C-alpha atoms as a PDB file:
ATOM      1  CA  UNK A   1      57.228 -46.745  96.476  1.00  0.00           C
ATOM      2  CA  UNK A   2      54.693 -47.993  93.930  1.00  0.00           C
ATOM      3  CA  UNK A   3      57.302 -50.255  92.333  1.00  0.00           C
ATOM      4  CA  UNK A   4      58.012 -51.890  95.708  1.00  0.00           C
ATOM      5  CA  UNK A   5      55.172 -54.395  95.288  1.00  0.00           C
ATOM      6  CA  UNK A   6      56.231 -55.303  91.785  1.00  0.00           C
ATOM      7  CA  UNK A   7      59.939 -55.602  92.610  1.00  0.00           C
ATOM      8  CA  UNK A   8      59.201 -57.781  95.614  1.00  0.00           C
ATOM      9  CA  UNK A   9      56.702 -59.905  93.735  1.00  0.00           C
ATOM     10  CA  UNK A  10      57.815 -63.306  92.601  1.00  0.00           C
ATOM     11  CA  UNK A  11      57.489 -64.387  89.036  1.00  0.00           C
ATOM     12  CA  UNK A  12      54.446 -66.561  89.547  1.00  0.00           C
ATOM     13  CA  UNK A  13      51.313 -65.636  87.651  1.00  0.00           C
ATOM     14  CA  UNK A  14      49.550 -65.207  91.030  1.00  0.00           C
ATOM     15  CA  UNK A  15      52.123 -62.627  92.200  1.00  0.00           C
ATOM     16  CA  UNK A  16      52.014 -60.786  88.886  1.00  0.00           C
ATOM     17  CA  UNK A  17      48.210 -60.727  88.894  1.00  0.00           C
ATOM     18  CA  UNK A  18      48.291 -59.265  92.433  1.00  0.00           C
ATOM     19  CA  UNK A  19      50.649 -56.538  91.158  1.00  0.00           C
ATOM     20  CA  UNK A  20      48.333 -55.861  88.157  1.00  0.00           C
ATOM     21  CA  UNK A  21      45.293 -55.603  90.467  1.00  0.00           C
ATOM     22  CA  UNK A  22      47.221 -53.264  92.763  1.00  0.00           C
ATOM     23  CA  UNK A  23      48.250 -50.933  89.934  1.00  0.00           C
ATOM     24  CA  UNK A  24      44.688 -50.845  88.532  1.00  0.00           C
ATOM     25  CA  UNK A  25      43.567 -49.656  91.996  1.00  0.00           C
ATOM     26  CA  UNK A  26      46.349 -47.049  92.105  1.00  0.00           C
ATOM     27  CA  UNK A  27      45.231 -45.751  88.671  1.00  0.00           C
ATOM     28  CA  UNK A  28      41.600 -45.710  89.764  1.00  0.00           C
ATOM     29  CA  UNK A  29      42.500 -43.573  92.793  1.00  0.00           C
ATOM     30  CA  UNK A  30      45.110 -41.400  91.098  1.00  0.00           C
ATOM     31  CA  UNK A  31      44.456 -41.320  87.329  1.00  0.00           C
ATOM     32  CA  UNK A  32      46.708 -38.321  86.848  1.00  0.00           C
ATOM     33  CA  UNK A  33      49.849 -39.925  88.306  1.00  0.00           C
ATOM     34  CA  UNK A  34      52.259 -41.753  86.009  1.00  0.00           C
ATOM     35  CA  UNK A  35      53.621 -44.216  88.608  1.00  0.00           C
ATOM     36  CA  UNK A  36      50.572 -46.454  88.511  1.00  0.00           C
ATOM     37  CA  UNK A  37      50.654 -46.695  84.736  1.00  0.00           C
ATOM     38  CA  UNK A  38      54.377 -47.469  84.681  1.00  0.00           C
ATOM     39  CA  UNK A  39      53.946 -50.174  87.281  1.00  0.00           C
ATOM     40  CA  UNK A  40      50.998 -51.668  85.409  1.00  0.00           C
ATOM     41  CA  UNK A  41      52.915 -51.689  82.112  1.00  0.00           C
ATOM     42  CA  UNK A  42      55.882 -53.448  83.744  1.00  0.00           C
ATOM     43  CA  UNK A  43      53.601 -56.008  85.432  1.00  0.00           C
ATOM     44  CA  UNK A  44      51.945 -56.705  82.060  1.00  0.00           C
ATOM     45  CA  UNK A  45      55.351 -57.078  80.378  1.00  0.00           C
ATOM     46  CA  UNK A  46      56.557 -59.488  83.082  1.00  0.00           C
ATOM     47  CA  UNK A  47      53.344 -61.416  82.553  1.00  0.00           C
ATOM     48  CA  UNK A  48      54.148 -61.549  78.851  1.00  0.00           C
ATOM     49  CA  UNK A  49      50.991 -59.576  78.118  1.00  0.00           C
ATOM     50  CA  UNK A  50      52.888 -57.361  75.672  1.00  0.00           C
ATOM     51  CA  UNK A  51      49.896 -55.880  73.859  1.00  0.00           C
ATOM     52  CA  UNK A  52      48.393 -54.767  77.172  1.00  0.00           C
ATOM     53  CA  UNK A  53      51.706 -53.295  78.205  1.00  0.00           C
ATOM     54  CA  UNK A  54      51.997 -51.440  74.895  1.00  0.00           C
ATOM     55  CA  UNK A  55      48.474 -50.035  75.256  1.00  0.00           C
ATOM     56  CA  UNK A  56      49.194 -48.737  78.763  1.00  0.00           C
ATOM     57  CA  UNK A  57      52.546 -47.250  77.724  1.00  0.00           C
ATOM     58  CA  UNK A  58      51.047 -45.466  74.726  1.00  0.00           C
ATOM     59  CA  UNK A  59      48.433 -43.954  77.062  1.00  0.00           C
ATOM     60  CA  UNK A  60      51.140 -43.074  79.559  1.00  0.00           C
ATOM     61  CA  UNK A  61      53.032 -41.070  76.925  1.00  0.00           C
ATOM     62  CA  UNK A  62      50.216 -38.513  77.147  1.00  0.00           C
ATOM     63  CA  UNK A  63      51.028 -38.000  80.863  1.00  0.00           C
ATOM     64  CA  UNK A  64      54.751 -38.660  80.821  1.00  0.00           C
ATOM     65  CA  UNK A  65      56.896 -38.666  77.710  1.00  0.00           C
ATOM     66  CA  UNK A  66      60.078 -39.316  79.697  1.00  0.00           C
ATOM     67  CA  UNK A  67      63.041 -41.342  78.507  1.00  0.00           C
ATOM     68  CA  UNK A  68      62.070 -44.172  80.860  1.00  0.00           C
ATOM     69  CA  UNK A  69      58.626 -44.567  79.243  1.00  0.00           C
ATOM     70  CA  UNK A  70      60.161 -44.532  75.757  1.00  0.00           C
ATOM     71  CA  UNK A  71      62.666 -47.167  76.851  1.00  0.00           C
ATOM     72  CA  UNK A  72      59.972 -49.415  78.306  1.00  0.00           C
ATOM     73  CA  UNK A  73      57.805 -49.004  75.173  1.00  0.00           C
ATOM     74  CA  UNK A  74      60.793 -49.807  72.961  1.00  0.00           C
ATOM     75  CA  UNK A  75      61.431 -53.020  74.884  1.00  0.00           C
ATOM     76  CA  UNK A  76      57.773 -54.036  74.641  1.00  0.00           C
ATOM     77  CA  UNK A  77      57.579 -53.254  70.923  1.00  0.00           C
ATOM     78  CA  UNK A  78      60.630 -55.436  70.372  1.00  0.00           C
ATOM     79  CA  UNK A  79      58.807 -58.304  72.033  1.00  0.00           C
ATOM     80  CA  UNK A  80      55.780 -57.837  69.759  1.00  0.00           C
ATOM     81  CA  UNK A  81      57.912 -57.818  66.628  1.00  0.00           C
ATOM     82  CA  UNK A  82      57.501 -54.107  65.881  1.00  0.00           C
ATOM     83  CA  UNK A  83      61.211 -53.572  65.307  1.00  0.00           C
ATOM     84  CA  UNK A  84      61.030 -50.122  63.689  1.00  0.00           C
ATOM     85  CA  UNK A  85      58.860 -48.852  66.551  1.00  0.00           C
ATOM     86  CA  UNK A  86      61.181 -50.449  69.062  1.00  0.00           C
ATOM     87  CA  UNK A  87      64.215 -48.820  67.469  1.00  0.00           C
ATOM     88  CA  UNK A  88      62.468 -45.452  67.377  1.00  0.00           C
ATOM     89  CA  UNK A  89      61.458 -45.482  71.046  1.00  0.00           C
ATOM     90  CA  UNK A  90      64.779 -46.905  72.269  1.00  0.00           C
ATOM     91  CA  UNK A  91      66.642 -44.200  70.309  1.00  0.00           C
ATOM     92  CA  UNK A  92      64.400 -41.518  71.829  1.00  0.00           C
ATOM     93  CA  UNK A  93      65.101 -42.899  75.290  1.00  0.00           C
ATOM     94  CA  UNK A  94      68.863 -42.715  74.672  1.00  0.00           C
ATOM     95  CA  UNK A  95      68.638 -39.208  73.272  1.00  0.00           C
ATOM     96  CA  UNK A  96      66.609 -38.125  76.313  1.00  0.00           C
ATOM     97  CA  UNK A  97      69.148 -39.559  78.760  1.00  0.00           C
ATOM     98  CA  UNK A  98      68.033 -43.109  79.612  1.00  0.00           C
ATOM     99  CA  UNK A  99      71.453 -44.512  78.813  1.00  0.00           C
ATOM    100  CA  UNK A 100      71.704 -48.271  79.149  1.00  0.00           C
ATOM    101  CA  UNK A 101      73.746 -50.979  77.520  1.00  0.00           C
ATOM    102  CA  UNK A 102      70.572 -52.896  76.757  1.00  0.00           C
ATOM    103  CA  UNK A 103      69.114 -49.984  74.801  1.00  0.00           C
ATOM    104  CA  UNK A 104      72.313 -49.498  72.801  1.00  0.00           C
ATOM    105  CA  UNK A 105      72.518 -53.223  72.087  1.00  0.00           C
ATOM    106  CA  UNK A 106      68.940 -53.496  70.882  1.00  0.00           C
ATOM    107  CA  UNK A 107      69.112 -50.315  68.773  1.00  0.00           C
ATOM    108  CA  UNK A 108      72.277 -51.669  67.104  1.00  0.00           C
ATOM    109  CA  UNK A 109      70.750 -55.078  66.479  1.00  0.00           C
ATOM    110  CA  UNK A 110      67.481 -53.601  65.235  1.00  0.00           C
ATOM    111  CA  UNK A 111      69.279 -51.193  62.891  1.00  0.00           C
ATOM    112  CA  UNK A 112      71.495 -53.974  61.564  1.00  0.00           C
ATOM    113  CA  UNK A 113      68.504 -56.198  60.923  1.00  0.00           C
ATOM    114  CA  UNK A 114      66.743 -53.318  59.165  1.00  0.00           C
ATOM    115  CA  UNK A 115      69.793 -52.573  57.021  1.00  0.00           C
ATOM    116  CA  UNK A 116      70.258 -56.202  55.966  1.00  0.00           C
ATOM    117  CA  UNK A 117      66.526 -56.906  55.579  1.00  0.00           C
ATOM    118  CA  UNK A 118      66.550 -59.682  58.194  1.00  0.00           C
END
């Protein structure tokens, strides 16, 4: 339900800011529920505010260390250039059951780049 606003939101900065404001309010009202943090992190990522997304996801790991959170953090870390961290979290997500072609692809590419020094 909480992701409904974000998934229906367009890609304009106005729509994404509305989603960010909404998730901040959800977190204010329910600081112990992971859904608000996940939604906020995704909204930040879609807004290309990767450092903000990373900060929220690292905090979220204290509440929810699920495969989905590790996958999202891995994707964000890839965008910030932290390839070893991205590979680590994407691998954890796969090991914990968040199987996706994207995760496998990125882990393979990140490991290859690490092995070749690129």
